[in-house]
Amino acid sequence: MIVNFYNSILKYTHDEKSFECAGNITVRNLIAELGNHYGAGFAEFLSGENNCLILLNGKGLMTAQGLDTMLGANDKIDILPFISMG
């Protein structure tokens, strides 16, 4: 599976724009794996309620089973920062 990172998320990934990992894991497990790779601070950021938007094949996780959604080898994950206006 491919995980793509955008905009200010790149500060956590040291400007790496994508990460490849095996499928058959949950989003929760993916976050833990990303934390192991990029640091615990990134996992904490991803777990925060209003920090970022995680898309599975172009759709928000709210249309799936949230953090318990199973991910397959051919899935595409996009992680984008929330944009605050004000």
PDB file of N, CA and C in Angstrom:
ATOM      1  N   MET A   1       0.843  -1.167   0.000  1.00  0.00           N
ATOM      2  CA  MET A   1       0.000   0.000   0.000  1.00  0.00           C
ATOM      3  C   MET A   1       0.890   1.232   0.000  1.00  0.00           C
ATOM      4  N   ILE A   2       0.393   2.272  -0.573  1.00  0.00           N
ATOM      5  CA  ILE A   2       1.119   3.543  -0.639  1.00  0.00           C
ATOM      6  C   ILE A   2       0.425   4.562   0.259  1.00  0.00           C
ATOM      7  N   VAL A   3       1.221   5.249   1.076  1.00  0.00           N
ATOM      8  CA  VAL A   3       0.730   6.339   1.914  1.00  0.00           C
ATOM      9  C   VAL A   3       1.384   7.612   1.389  1.00  0.00           C
ATOM     10  N   ASN A   4       0.559   8.595   1.027  1.00  0.00           N
ATOM     11  CA  ASN A   4       1.067   9.867   0.505  1.00  0.00           C
ATOM     12  C   ASN A   4       0.864  10.965   1.546  1.00  0.00           C
ATOM     13  N   PHE A   5       1.861  11.837   1.662  1.00  0.00           N
ATOM     14  CA  PHE A   5       1.828  12.937   2.619  1.00  0.00           C
ATOM     15  C   PHE A   5       1.816  14.266   1.866  1.00  0.00           C
ATOM     16  N   TYR A   6       1.095  15.247   2.407  1.00  0.00           N
ATOM     17  CA  TYR A   6       0.934  16.531   1.730  1.00  0.00           C
ATOM     18  C   TYR A   6       1.193  17.706   2.676  1.00  0.00           C
ATOM     19  N   ASN A   7       1.653  18.788   2.079  1.00  0.00           N
ATOM     20  CA  ASN A   7       1.799  20.092   2.727  1.00  0.00           C
ATOM     21  C   ASN A   7       2.553  20.023   4.050  1.00  0.00           C
ATOM     22  N   SER A   8       1.985  20.551   5.115  1.00  0.00           N
ATOM     23  CA  SER A   8       2.709  20.656   6.388  1.00  0.00           C
ATOM     24  C   SER A   8       2.962  19.294   7.050  1.00  0.00           C
ATOM     25  N   ILE A   9       2.329  18.247   6.573  1.00  0.00           N
ATOM     26  CA  ILE A   9       2.596  16.900   7.095  1.00  0.00           C
ATOM     27  C   ILE A   9       4.051  16.524   6.802  1.00  0.00           C
ATOM     28  N   LEU A  10       4.617  17.077   5.746  1.00  0.00           N
ATOM     29  CA  LEU A  10       5.984  16.733   5.340  1.00  0.00           C
ATOM     30  C   LEU A  10       7.029  17.086   6.402  1.00  0.00           C
ATOM     31  N   LYS A  11       6.709  18.004   7.310  1.00  0.00           N
ATOM     32  CA  LYS A  11       7.677  18.320   8.372  1.00  0.00           C
ATOM     33  C   LYS A  11       7.874  17.123   9.296  1.00  0.00           C
ATOM     34  N   TYR A  12       6.868  16.272   9.423  1.00  0.00           N
ATOM     35  CA  TYR A  12       6.986  15.068  10.254  1.00  0.00           C
ATOM     36  C   TYR A  12       7.727  13.945   9.528  1.00  0.00           C
ATOM     37  N   THR A  13       7.632  13.947   8.202  1.00  0.00           N
ATOM     38  CA  THR A  13       8.208  12.849   7.409  1.00  0.00           C
ATOM     39  C   THR A  13       9.566  13.212   6.822  1.00  0.00           C
ATOM     40  N   HIS A  14      10.125  14.324   7.274  1.00  0.00           N
ATOM     41  CA  HIS A  14      11.436  14.785   6.787  1.00  0.00           C
ATOM     42  C   HIS A  14      11.420  14.945   5.267  1.00  0.00           C
ATOM     43  N   ASP A  15      10.314  15.519   4.782  1.00  0.00           N
ATOM     44  CA  ASP A  15      10.075  15.819   3.365  1.00  0.00           C
ATOM     45  C   ASP A  15       9.908  14.588   2.474  1.00  0.00           C
ATOM     46  N   GLU A  16       9.751  13.402   3.053  1.00  0.00           N
ATOM     47  CA  GLU A  16       9.396  12.228   2.246  1.00  0.00           C
ATOM     48  C   GLU A  16       7.925  12.342   1.892  1.00  0.00           C
ATOM     49  N   LYS A  17       7.616  12.221   0.617  1.00  0.00           N
ATOM     50  CA  LYS A  17       6.246  12.420   0.158  1.00  0.00           C
ATOM     51  C   LYS A  17       5.411  11.154   0.173  1.00  0.00           C
ATOM     52  N   SER A  18       6.049   9.997   0.323  1.00  0.00           N
ATOM     53  CA  SER A  18       5.276   8.761   0.364  1.00  0.00           C
ATOM     54  C   SER A  18       6.002   7.699   1.186  1.00  0.00           C
ATOM     55  N   PHE A  19       5.230   6.704   1.576  1.00  0.00           N
ATOM     56  CA  PHE A  19       5.717   5.592   2.388  1.00  0.00           C
ATOM     57  C   PHE A  19       5.018   4.349   1.877  1.00  0.00           C
ATOM     58  N   GLU A  20       5.742   3.286   1.702  1.00  0.00           N
ATOM     59  CA  GLU A  20       5.164   2.046   1.204  1.00  0.00           C
ATOM     60  C   GLU A  20       5.188   1.002   2.319  1.00  0.00           C
ATOM     61  N   CYS A  21       4.080   0.313   2.490  1.00  0.00           N
ATOM     62  CA  CYS A  21       4.039  -0.738   3.504  1.00  0.00           C
ATOM     63  C   CYS A  21       3.073  -1.835   3.052  1.00  0.00           C
ATOM     64  N   ALA A  22       3.151  -2.958   3.742  1.00  0.00           N
ATOM     65  CA  ALA A  22       2.290  -4.097   3.421  1.00  0.00           C
ATOM     66  C   ALA A  22       0.846  -3.790   3.794  1.00  0.00           C
ATOM     67  N   GLY A  23      -0.067  -4.490   3.186  1.00  0.00           N
ATOM     68  CA  GLY A  23      -1.480  -4.344   3.503  1.00  0.00           C
ATOM     69  C   GLY A  23      -1.885  -5.300   4.606  1.00  0.00           C
ATOM     70  N   ASN A  24      -3.189  -5.528   4.715  1.00  0.00           N
ATOM     71  CA  ASN A  24      -3.771  -6.409   5.723  1.00  0.00           C
ATOM     72  C   ASN A  24      -3.479  -5.952   7.147  1.00  0.00           C
ATOM     73  N   ILE A  25      -3.550  -4.623   7.349  1.00  0.00           N
ATOM     74  CA  ILE A  25      -3.428  -4.033   8.682  1.00  0.00           C
ATOM     75  C   ILE A  25      -4.554  -3.012   8.834  1.00  0.00           C
ATOM     76  N   THR A  26      -4.824  -2.616  10.051  1.00  0.00           N
ATOM     77  CA  THR A  26      -5.832  -1.583  10.276  1.00  0.00           C
ATOM     78  C   THR A  26      -5.181  -0.203  10.182  1.00  0.00           C
ATOM     79  N   VAL A  27      -5.998   0.814  10.087  1.00  0.00           N
ATOM     80  CA  VAL A  27      -5.488   2.185  10.091  1.00  0.00           C
ATOM     81  C   VAL A  27      -4.745   2.437  11.402  1.00  0.00           C
ATOM     82  N   ARG A  28      -5.255   1.919  12.494  1.00  0.00           N
ATOM     83  CA  ARG A  28      -4.604   2.067  13.800  1.00  0.00           C
ATOM     84  C   ARG A  28      -3.188   1.481  13.765  1.00  0.00           C
ATOM     85  N   ASN A  29      -3.040   0.292  13.157  1.00  0.00           N
ATOM     86  CA  ASN A  29      -1.721  -0.328  13.026  1.00  0.00           C
ATOM     87  C   ASN A  29      -0.822   0.461  12.089  1.00  0.00           C
ATOM     88  N   LEU A  30      -1.404   1.036  11.046  1.00  0.00           N
ATOM     89  CA  LEU A  30      -0.634   1.869  10.127  1.00  0.00           C
ATOM     90  C   LEU A  30      -0.066   3.077  10.850  1.00  0.00           C
ATOM     91  N   ILE A  31      -0.878   3.713  11.686  1.00  0.00           N
ATOM     92  CA  ILE A  31      -0.412   4.870  12.455  1.00  0.00           C
ATOM     93  C   ILE A  31       0.754   4.468  13.358  1.00  0.00           C
ATOM     94  N   ALA A  32       0.653   3.308  13.986  1.00  0.00           N
ATOM     95  CA  ALA A  32       1.750   2.823  14.836  1.00  0.00           C
ATOM     96  C   ALA A  32       3.006   2.583  14.005  1.00  0.00           C
ATOM     97  N   GLU A  33       2.841   2.009  12.810  1.00  0.00           N
ATOM     98  CA  GLU A  33       3.995   1.758  11.937  1.00  0.00           C
ATOM     99  C   GLU A  33       4.630   3.058  11.475  1.00  0.00           C
ATOM    100  N   LEU A  34       3.810   4.050  11.152  1.00  0.00           N
ATOM    101  CA  LEU A  34       4.341   5.357  10.761  1.00  0.00           C
ATOM    102  C   LEU A  34       5.071   6.003  11.937  1.00  0.00           C
ATOM    103  N   GLY A  35       4.549   5.820  13.147  1.00  0.00           N
ATOM    104  CA  GLY A  35       5.219   6.336  14.339  1.00  0.00           C
ATOM    105  C   GLY A  35       6.568   5.671  14.562  1.00  0.00           C
ATOM    106  N   ASN A  36       6.639   4.377  14.312  1.00  0.00           N
ATOM    107  CA  ASN A  36       7.918   3.668  14.435  1.00  0.00           C
ATOM    108  C   ASN A  36       8.932   4.174  13.418  1.00  0.00           C
ATOM    109  N   HIS A  37       8.444   4.512  12.233  1.00  0.00           N
ATOM    110  CA  HIS A  37       9.339   4.951  11.164  1.00  0.00           C
ATOM    111  C   HIS A  37       9.745   6.423  11.296  1.00  0.00           C
ATOM    112  N   TYR A  38       8.769   7.287  11.593  1.00  0.00           N
ATOM    113  CA  TYR A  38       9.017   8.735  11.605  1.00  0.00           C
ATOM    114  C   TYR A  38       9.111   9.331  13.005  1.00  0.00           C
ATOM    115  N   GLY A  39       8.767   8.578  14.027  1.00  0.00           N
ATOM    116  CA  GLY A  39       8.837   9.082  15.393  1.00  0.00           C
ATOM    117  C   GLY A  39       7.476   9.104  16.064  1.00  0.00           C
ATOM    118  N   ALA A  40       7.517   8.963  17.388  1.00  0.00           N
ATOM    119  CA  ALA A  40       6.289   8.902  18.177  1.00  0.00           C
ATOM    120  C   ALA A  40       5.449  10.171  18.045  1.00  0.00           C
ATOM    121  N   GLY A  41       6.102  11.304  17.851  1.00  0.00           N
ATOM    122  CA  GLY A  41       5.370  12.557  17.692  1.00  0.00           C
ATOM    123  C   GLY A  41       4.450  12.540  16.485  1.00  0.00           C
ATOM    124  N   PHE A  42       4.863  11.851  15.431  1.00  0.00           N
ATOM    125  CA  PHE A  42       4.030  11.753  14.238  1.00  0.00           C
ATOM    126  C   PHE A  42       2.800  10.895  14.526  1.00  0.00           C
ATOM    127  N   ALA A  43       2.981   9.787  15.217  1.00  0.00           N
ATOM    128  CA  ALA A  43       1.844   8.929  15.571  1.00  0.00           C
ATOM    129  C   ALA A  43       0.852   9.689  16.446  1.00  0.00           C
ATOM    130  N   GLU A  44       1.359  10.467  17.397  1.00  0.00           N
ATOM    131  CA  GLU A  44       0.483  11.266  18.256  1.00  0.00           C
ATOM    132  C   GLU A  44      -0.278  12.296  17.432  1.00  0.00           C
ATOM    133  N   PHE A  45       0.421  12.933  16.484  1.00  0.00           N
ATOM    134  CA  PHE A  45      -0.222  13.911  15.610  1.00  0.00           C
ATOM    135  C   PHE A  45      -1.339  13.255  14.812  1.00  0.00           C
ATOM    136  N   LEU A  46      -1.068  12.092  14.227  1.00  0.00           N
ATOM    137  CA  LEU A  46      -2.061  11.403  13.404  1.00  0.00           C
ATOM    138  C   LEU A  46      -3.259  10.946  14.218  1.00  0.00           C
ATOM    139  N   SER A  47      -3.050  10.679  15.495  1.00  0.00           N
ATOM    140  CA  SER A  47      -4.135  10.212  16.360  1.00  0.00           C
ATOM    141  C   SER A  47      -5.002  11.343  16.889  1.00  0.00           C
ATOM    142  N   GLY A  48      -4.538  12.585  16.759  1.00  0.00           N
ATOM    143  CA  GLY A  48      -5.313  13.732  17.228  1.00  0.00           C
ATOM    144  C   GLY A  48      -6.566  13.921  16.395  1.00  0.00           C
ATOM    145  N   GLU A  49      -7.634  14.348  17.038  1.00  0.00           N
ATOM    146  CA  GLU A  49      -8.923  14.446  16.359  1.00  0.00           C
ATOM    147  C   GLU A  49      -8.985  15.489  15.261  1.00  0.00           C
ATOM    148  N   ASN A  50      -8.333  16.619  15.434  1.00  0.00           N
ATOM    149  CA  ASN A  50      -8.479  17.700  14.465  1.00  0.00           C
ATOM    150  C   ASN A  50      -7.164  18.113  13.831  1.00  0.00           C
ATOM    151  N   ASN A  51      -6.228  17.178  13.719  1.00  0.00           N
ATOM    152  CA  ASN A  51      -4.921  17.505  13.161  1.00  0.00           C
ATOM    153  C   ASN A  51      -4.808  17.263  11.671  1.00  0.00           C
ATOM    154  N   CYS A  52      -5.450  16.213  11.193  1.00  0.00           N
ATOM    155  CA  CYS A  52      -5.272  15.867   9.794  1.00  0.00           C
ATOM    156  C   CYS A  52      -6.478  15.100   9.274  1.00  0.00           C
ATOM    157  N   LEU A  53      -6.490  14.936   7.975  1.00  0.00           N
ATOM    158  CA  LEU A  53      -7.533  14.183   7.287  1.00  0.00           C
ATOM    159  C   LEU A  53      -6.865  12.978   6.644  1.00  0.00           C
ATOM    160  N   ILE A  54      -7.359  11.789   6.956  1.00  0.00           N
ATOM    161  CA  ILE A  54      -6.825  10.570   6.370  1.00  0.00           C
ATOM    162  C   ILE A  54      -7.855  10.038   5.382  1.00  0.00           C
ATOM    163  N   LEU A  55      -7.451   9.953   4.125  1.00  0.00           N
ATOM    164  CA  LEU A  55      -8.335   9.465   3.072  1.00  0.00           C
ATOM    165  C   LEU A  55      -7.922   8.063   2.654  1.00  0.00           C
ATOM    166  N   LEU A  56      -8.897   7.203   2.466  1.00  0.00           N
ATOM    167  CA  LEU A  56      -8.687   5.851   1.966  1.00  0.00           C
ATOM    168  C   LEU A  56      -9.286   5.790   0.572  1.00  0.00           C
ATOM    169  N   ASN A  57      -8.432   5.638  -0.421  1.00  0.00           N
ATOM    170  CA  ASN A  57      -8.874   5.596  -1.818  1.00  0.00           C
ATOM    171  C   ASN A  57      -9.772   6.779  -2.161  1.00  0.00           C
ATOM    172  N   GLY A  58      -9.376   7.955  -1.649  1.00  0.00           N
ATOM    173  CA  GLY A  58     -10.070   9.190  -1.972  1.00  0.00           C
ATOM    174  C   GLY A  58     -11.278   9.511  -1.104  1.00  0.00           C
ATOM    175  N   LYS A  59     -11.598   8.647  -0.131  1.00  0.00           N
ATOM    176  CA  LYS A  59     -12.765   8.886   0.718  1.00  0.00           C
ATOM    177  C   LYS A  59     -12.334   8.938   2.175  1.00  0.00           C
ATOM    178  N   GLY A  60     -13.009   9.764   2.960  1.00  0.00           N
ATOM    179  CA  GLY A  60     -12.702   9.890   4.375  1.00  0.00           C
ATOM    180  C   GLY A  60     -12.989   8.607   5.140  1.00  0.00           C
ATOM    181  N   LEU A  61     -12.287   8.410   6.220  1.00  0.00           N
ATOM    182  CA  LEU A  61     -12.476   7.198   7.021  1.00  0.00           C
ATOM    183  C   LEU A  61     -13.842   7.136   7.685  1.00  0.00           C
ATOM    184  N   MET A  62     -14.547   8.250   7.734  1.00  0.00           N
ATOM    185  CA  MET A  62     -15.880   8.248   8.324  1.00  0.00           C
ATOM    186  C   MET A  62     -16.829   7.362   7.515  1.00  0.00           C
ATOM    187  N   THR A  63     -16.523   7.165   6.222  1.00  0.00           N
ATOM    188  CA  THR A  63     -17.363   6.299   5.393  1.00  0.00           C
ATOM    189  C   THR A  63     -16.996   4.837   5.579  1.00  0.00           C
ATOM    190  N   ALA A  64     -15.915   4.576   6.300  1.00  0.00           N
ATOM    191  CA  ALA A  64     -15.483   3.205   6.571  1.00  0.00           C
ATOM    192  C   ALA A  64     -15.656   2.942   8.068  1.00  0.00           C
ATOM    193  N   GLN A  65     -14.725   2.259   8.673  1.00  0.00           N
ATOM    194  CA  GLN A  65     -14.825   1.918  10.087  1.00  0.00           C
ATOM    195  C   GLN A  65     -13.789   2.666  10.924  1.00  0.00           C
ATOM    196  N   GLY A  66     -13.445   3.872  10.518  1.00  0.00           N
ATOM    197  CA  GLY A  66     -12.507   4.683  11.277  1.00  0.00           C
ATOM    198  C   GLY A  66     -11.151   4.007  11.412  1.00  0.00           C
ATOM    199  N   LEU A  67     -10.571   4.073  12.599  1.00  0.00           N
ATOM    200  CA  LEU A  67      -9.238   3.526  12.839  1.00  0.00           C
ATOM    201  C   LEU A  67      -9.198   2.002  12.752  1.00  0.00           C
ATOM    202  N   ASP A  68     -10.357   1.356  12.795  1.00  0.00           N
ATOM    203  CA  ASP A  68     -10.409  -0.105  12.699  1.00  0.00           C
ATOM    204  C   ASP A  68     -10.605  -0.594  11.269  1.00  0.00           C
ATOM    205  N   THR A  69     -10.584   0.319  10.310  1.00  0.00           N
ATOM    206  CA  THR A  69     -10.714  -0.047   8.901  1.00  0.00           C
ATOM    207  C   THR A  69      -9.527  -0.892   8.469  1.00  0.00           C
ATOM    208  N   MET A  70      -9.805  -2.008   7.842  1.00  0.00           N
ATOM    209  CA  MET A  70      -8.745  -2.876   7.313  1.00  0.00           C
ATOM    210  C   MET A  70      -8.250  -2.302   5.983  1.00  0.00           C
ATOM    211  N   LEU A  71      -6.938  -2.322   5.815  1.00  0.00           N
ATOM    212  CA  LEU A  71      -6.302  -1.794   4.615  1.00  0.00           C
ATOM    213  C   LEU A  71      -5.695  -2.942   3.822  1.00  0.00           C
ATOM    214  N   GLY A  72      -5.881  -2.887   2.516  1.00  0.00           N
ATOM    215  CA  GLY A  72      -5.328  -3.914   1.642  1.00  0.00           C
ATOM    216  C   GLY A  72      -4.074  -3.441   0.938  1.00  0.00           C
ATOM    217  N   ALA A  73      -3.396  -4.371   0.312  1.00  0.00           N
ATOM    218  CA  ALA A  73      -2.127  -4.079  -0.361  1.00  0.00           C
ATOM    219  C   ALA A  73      -2.285  -3.069  -1.489  1.00  0.00           C
ATOM    220  N   ASN A  74      -3.458  -2.983  -2.094  1.00  0.00           N
ATOM    221  CA  ASN A  74      -3.660  -2.076  -3.232  1.00  0.00           C
ATOM    222  C   ASN A  74      -4.306  -0.755  -2.850  1.00  0.00           C
ATOM    223  N   ASP A  75      -4.510  -0.527  -1.559  1.00  0.00           N
ATOM    224  CA  ASP A  75      -5.141   0.716  -1.124  1.00  0.00           C
ATOM    225  C   ASP A  75      -4.172   1.889  -1.222  1.00  0.00           C
ATOM    226  N   LYS A  76      -4.758   3.062  -1.373  1.00  0.00           N
ATOM    227  CA  LYS A  76      -3.989   4.307  -1.398  1.00  0.00           C
ATOM    228  C   LYS A  76      -4.482   5.163  -0.240  1.00  0.00           C
ATOM    229  N   ILE A  77      -3.543   5.588   0.594  1.00  0.00           N
ATOM    230  CA  ILE A  77      -3.853   6.437   1.744  1.00  0.00           C
ATOM    231  C   ILE A  77      -3.252   7.811   1.504  1.00  0.00           C
ATOM    232  N   ASP A  78      -4.051   8.846   1.684  1.00  0.00           N
ATOM    233  CA  ASP A  78      -3.572  10.228   1.590  1.00  0.00           C
ATOM    234  C   ASP A  78      -3.762  10.869   2.961  1.00  0.00           C
ATOM    235  N   ILE A  79      -2.703  11.510   3.450  1.00  0.00           N
ATOM    236  CA  ILE A  79      -2.764  12.204   4.735  1.00  0.00           C
ATOM    237  C   ILE A  79      -2.526  13.685   4.486  1.00  0.00           C
ATOM    238  N   LEU A  80      -3.549  14.489   4.762  1.00  0.00           N
ATOM    239  CA  LEU A  80      -3.527  15.926   4.518  1.00  0.00           C
ATOM    240  C   LEU A  80      -3.768  16.683   5.809  1.00  0.00           C
ATOM    241  N   PRO A  81      -3.160  17.851   5.956  1.00  0.00           N
ATOM    242  CA  PRO A  81      -3.438  18.655   7.149  1.00  0.00           C
ATOM    243  C   PRO A  81      -4.806  19.316   7.024  1.00  0.00           C
ATOM    244  N   PHE A  82      -5.453  19.526   8.181  1.00  0.00           N
ATOM    245  CA  PHE A  82      -6.658  20.348   8.180  1.00  0.00           C
ATOM    246  C   PHE A  82      -6.219  21.776   7.929  1.00  0.00           C
ATOM    247  N   ILE A  83      -7.008  22.520   7.228  1.00  0.00           N
ATOM    248  CA  ILE A  83      -6.719  23.921   6.966  1.00  0.00           C
ATOM    249  C   ILE A  83      -7.647  24.762   7.811  1.00  0.00           C
ATOM    250  N   SER A  84      -7.076  25.611   8.631  1.00  0.00           N
ATOM    251  CA  SER A  84      -7.925  26.472   9.455  1.00  0.00           C
ATOM    252  C   SER A  84      -7.993  27.846   8.808  1.00  0.00           C
ATOM    253  N   MET A  85      -9.173  28.372   8.767  1.00  0.00           N
ATOM    254  CA  MET A  85      -9.417  29.698   8.195  1.00  0.00           C
ATOM    255  C   MET A  85      -9.747  30.624   9.349  1.00  0.00           C
ATOM    256  N   GLY A  86      -9.327  31.853   9.235  1.00  0.00           N
ATOM    257  CA  GLY A  86      -9.735  32.729  10.305  1.00  0.00           C
ATOM    258  C   GLY A  86      -9.099  33.969  10.284  1.00  0.00           C
TER     259      GLY A  86
END
